[in-house]
Amino acid sequence: MSLRELRQKRGLTQKQLADRVDGVNQQRIAAWETGARNLGDASFNVIIKVADALKVSNPRKLLEADKPKENTSES
């Protein structure tokens, strides 16, 4: 499940999630969700705070969801 899907499932806006994570603003949340920035590049502490705010017990789930999906279709 993507960061956006997790956030929406919890009923949070980008701003509300940013307010729950010290040192992160709404623009950073938006960049992670759109793929403009990689969540994996954030500090470990920020990843833990995002996971806590979204009630995700294993932060690896956030990082795995953040990885771009490989295109397996053949042209």
N, C-alpha and C. Protein backbone atom coordinates (compact mmCIF):
# COMPACT_ATOMS: atom_id res chain seq x y z
N MET A 1 0.85 -1.17 0.00
CA MET A 1 0.00 0.00 0.00
C MET A 1 0.90 1.24 0.00
N SER A 2 0.60 2.19 -0.84
CA SER A 2 1.42 3.39 -0.97
C SER A 2 1.22 4.33 0.22
N LEU A 3 2.14 5.26 0.33
CA LEU A 3 2.04 6.27 1.39
C LEU A 3 0.71 7.01 1.28
N ARG A 4 0.34 7.40 0.07
CA ARG A 4 -0.93 8.11 -0.13
C ARG A 4 -2.11 7.24 0.32
N GLU A 5 -2.10 5.97 -0.06
CA GLU A 5 -3.20 5.07 0.32
C GLU A 5 -3.28 4.90 1.84
N LEU A 6 -2.13 4.75 2.48
CA LEU A 6 -2.11 4.62 3.94
C LEU A 6 -2.64 5.89 4.61
N ARG A 7 -2.17 7.03 4.11
CA ARG A 7 -2.62 8.31 4.69
C ARG A 7 -4.13 8.47 4.54
N GLN A 8 -4.63 8.19 3.34
CA GLN A 8 -6.07 8.34 3.10
C GLN A 8 -6.87 7.33 3.91
N LYS A 9 -6.35 6.13 4.06
CA LYS A 9 -7.02 5.10 4.86
C LYS A 9 -7.17 5.55 6.31
N ARG A 10 -6.19 6.32 6.78
CA ARG A 10 -6.23 6.83 8.15
C ARG A 10 -7.05 8.11 8.25
N GLY A 11 -7.55 8.60 7.11
CA GLY A 11 -8.39 9.79 7.11
C GLY A 11 -7.63 11.08 7.34
N LEU A 12 -6.35 11.10 6.94
CA LEU A 12 -5.52 12.27 7.14
C LEU A 12 -5.27 13.02 5.84
N THR A 13 -5.17 14.33 5.93
CA THR A 13 -4.71 15.12 4.80
C THR A 13 -3.18 15.13 4.84
N GLN A 14 -2.58 15.60 3.77
CA GLN A 14 -1.11 15.73 3.75
C GLN A 14 -0.67 16.66 4.88
N LYS A 15 -1.39 17.75 5.07
CA LYS A 15 -1.05 18.72 6.12
C LYS A 15 -1.15 18.09 7.50
N GLN A 16 -2.20 17.32 7.74
CA GLN A 16 -2.36 16.67 9.05
C GLN A 16 -1.23 15.68 9.32
N LEU A 17 -0.84 14.93 8.30
CA LEU A 17 0.27 14.00 8.47
C LEU A 17 1.55 14.77 8.74
N ALA A 18 1.79 15.82 8.00
CA ALA A 18 3.00 16.63 8.20
C ALA A 18 3.03 17.21 9.62
N ASP A 19 1.89 17.63 10.13
CA ASP A 19 1.82 18.19 11.48
C ASP A 19 2.17 17.15 12.54
N ARG A 20 1.98 15.88 12.22
CA ARG A 20 2.29 14.80 13.18
C ARG A 20 3.74 14.35 13.12
N VAL A 21 4.47 14.81 12.10
CA VAL A 21 5.86 14.40 11.91
C VAL A 21 6.75 15.63 12.01
N ASP A 22 7.50 15.73 13.10
CA ASP A 22 8.40 16.88 13.28
C ASP A 22 9.40 16.96 12.14
N GLY A 23 9.59 18.16 11.64
CA GLY A 23 10.59 18.40 10.60
C GLY A 23 10.13 18.09 9.19
N VAL A 24 8.86 17.81 9.02
CA VAL A 24 8.32 17.49 7.69
C VAL A 24 7.15 18.42 7.41
N ASN A 25 7.14 18.99 6.21
CA ASN A 25 6.02 19.85 5.84
C ASN A 25 5.13 19.17 4.79
N GLN A 26 4.04 19.81 4.47
CA GLN A 26 3.07 19.24 3.53
C GLN A 26 3.69 19.03 2.16
N GLN A 27 4.57 19.92 1.75
CA GLN A 27 5.21 19.80 0.44
C GLN A 27 6.07 18.54 0.37
N ARG A 28 6.73 18.20 1.46
CA ARG A 28 7.56 16.99 1.49
C ARG A 28 6.68 15.75 1.39
N ILE A 29 5.55 15.74 2.09
CA ILE A 29 4.61 14.61 2.00
C ILE A 29 4.15 14.46 0.55
N ALA A 30 3.78 15.58 -0.08
CA ALA A 30 3.33 15.56 -1.47
C ALA A 30 4.42 15.02 -2.39
N ALA A 31 5.66 15.43 -2.16
CA ALA A 31 6.76 14.97 -2.99
C ALA A 31 6.97 13.47 -2.84
N TRP A 32 6.85 12.96 -1.63
CA TRP A 32 6.97 11.50 -1.42
C TRP A 32 5.85 10.76 -2.14
N GLU A 33 4.65 11.31 -2.04
CA GLU A 33 3.49 10.63 -2.64
C GLU A 33 3.55 10.62 -4.16
N THR A 34 4.08 11.67 -4.76
CA THR A 34 4.12 11.75 -6.22
C THR A 34 5.37 11.11 -6.81
N GLY A 35 6.31 10.79 -5.93
CA GLY A 35 7.55 10.19 -6.41
C GLY A 35 8.62 11.21 -6.76
N ALA A 36 8.34 12.50 -6.53
CA ALA A 36 9.34 13.52 -6.79
C ALA A 36 10.54 13.38 -5.84
N ARG A 37 10.27 12.84 -4.67
CA ARG A 37 11.32 12.53 -3.69
C ARG A 37 11.09 11.12 -3.19
N ASN A 38 12.17 10.48 -2.79
CA ASN A 38 12.11 9.10 -2.32
C ASN A 38 12.07 9.10 -0.80
N LEU A 39 11.06 8.46 -0.22
CA LEU A 39 10.96 8.37 1.23
C LEU A 39 12.19 7.69 1.82
N GLY A 40 12.78 6.78 1.08
CA GLY A 40 13.97 6.08 1.55
C GLY A 40 15.16 7.00 1.76
N ASP A 41 15.13 8.20 1.20
CA ASP A 41 16.21 9.16 1.38
C ASP A 41 16.05 9.96 2.68
N ALA A 42 14.91 9.82 3.33
CA ALA A 42 14.67 10.53 4.59
C ALA A 42 15.49 9.87 5.70
N SER A 43 15.69 10.59 6.78
CA SER A 43 16.43 10.03 7.91
C SER A 43 15.61 8.91 8.54
N PHE A 44 16.31 8.02 9.22
CA PHE A 44 15.65 6.91 9.90
C PHE A 44 14.61 7.42 10.89
N ASN A 45 14.95 8.50 11.62
CA ASN A 45 14.01 9.05 12.61
C ASN A 45 12.74 9.55 11.95
N VAL A 46 12.85 10.18 10.79
CA VAL A 46 11.67 10.67 10.09
C VAL A 46 10.81 9.50 9.61
N ILE A 47 11.45 8.47 9.08
CA ILE A 47 10.70 7.29 8.62
C ILE A 47 9.93 6.67 9.78
N ILE A 48 10.57 6.57 10.95
CA ILE A 48 9.91 6.02 12.14
C ILE A 48 8.72 6.89 12.53
N LYS A 49 8.90 8.22 12.49
CA LYS A 49 7.81 9.13 12.85
C LYS A 49 6.64 9.02 11.88
N VAL A 50 6.93 8.89 10.59
CA VAL A 50 5.87 8.73 9.59
C VAL A 50 5.13 7.41 9.85
N ALA A 51 5.88 6.35 10.10
CA ALA A 51 5.27 5.05 10.39
C ALA A 51 4.38 5.14 11.63
N ASP A 52 4.87 5.79 12.67
CA ASP A 52 4.08 5.95 13.89
C ASP A 52 2.80 6.75 13.63
N ALA A 53 2.93 7.84 12.87
CA ALA A 53 1.77 8.69 12.58
C ALA A 53 0.71 7.93 11.78
N LEU A 54 1.16 6.99 10.94
CA LEU A 54 0.22 6.21 10.12
C LEU A 54 -0.15 4.88 10.76
N LYS A 55 0.36 4.65 11.98
CA LYS A 55 0.08 3.41 12.72
C LYS A 55 0.54 2.18 11.93
N VAL A 56 1.73 2.30 11.34
CA VAL A 56 2.34 1.19 10.61
C VAL A 56 3.39 0.60 11.54
N SER A 57 3.23 -0.67 11.90
CA SER A 57 4.12 -1.28 12.89
C SER A 57 5.52 -1.54 12.36
N ASN A 58 5.65 -1.77 11.07
CA ASN A 58 6.95 -2.06 10.48
C ASN A 58 7.28 -0.99 9.44
N PRO A 59 8.24 -0.10 9.74
CA PRO A 59 8.58 0.97 8.80
C PRO A 59 9.03 0.46 7.43
N ARG A 60 9.51 -0.77 7.36
CA ARG A 60 9.91 -1.32 6.06
C ARG A 60 8.75 -1.35 5.08
N LYS A 61 7.54 -1.51 5.60
CA LYS A 61 6.36 -1.51 4.72
C LYS A 61 6.25 -0.19 3.98
N LEU A 62 6.58 0.91 4.66
CA LEU A 62 6.55 2.22 3.99
C LEU A 62 7.60 2.29 2.91
N LEU A 63 8.79 1.81 3.22
CA LEU A 63 9.89 1.88 2.27
C LEU A 63 9.64 0.98 1.07
N GLU A 64 9.08 -0.19 1.31
CA GLU A 64 8.78 -1.11 0.21
C GLU A 64 7.68 -0.54 -0.68
N ALA A 65 6.70 0.11 -0.08
CA ALA A 65 5.61 0.71 -0.84
C ALA A 65 6.11 1.89 -1.66
N ASP A 66 7.20 2.51 -1.20
CA ASP A 66 7.75 3.68 -1.86
C ASP A 66 8.56 3.32 -3.10
N LYS A 67 9.01 2.07 -3.20
CA LYS A 67 9.82 1.66 -4.35
C LYS A 67 8.98 1.66 -5.61
N PRO A 68 9.53 2.14 -6.71
CA PRO A 68 8.78 2.11 -7.97
C PRO A 68 8.55 0.66 -8.40
N LYS A 69 7.38 0.42 -8.90
CA LYS A 69 7.06 -0.93 -9.37
C LYS A 69 7.74 -1.16 -10.71
N GLU A 70 8.29 -2.36 -10.85
CA GLU A 70 8.93 -2.71 -12.11
C GLU A 70 7.88 -2.94 -13.18
N ASN A 71 8.17 -2.48 -14.36
CA ASN A 71 7.26 -2.68 -15.48
C ASN A 71 7.55 -4.05 -16.09
N THR A 72 6.60 -4.97 -15.92
CA THR A 72 6.81 -6.33 -16.42
C THR A 72 6.11 -6.58 -17.74
N SER A 73 5.43 -5.56 -18.24
CA SER A 73 4.74 -5.74 -19.53
C SER A 73 5.77 -5.67 -20.67
N GLU A 74 5.55 -6.48 -21.64
CA GLU A 74 6.44 -6.49 -22.80
C GLU A 74 5.78 -5.79 -23.96
N SER A 75 6.56 -5.01 -24.69
CA SER A 75 6.01 -4.27 -25.84
C SER A 75 6.40 -4.94 -27.13
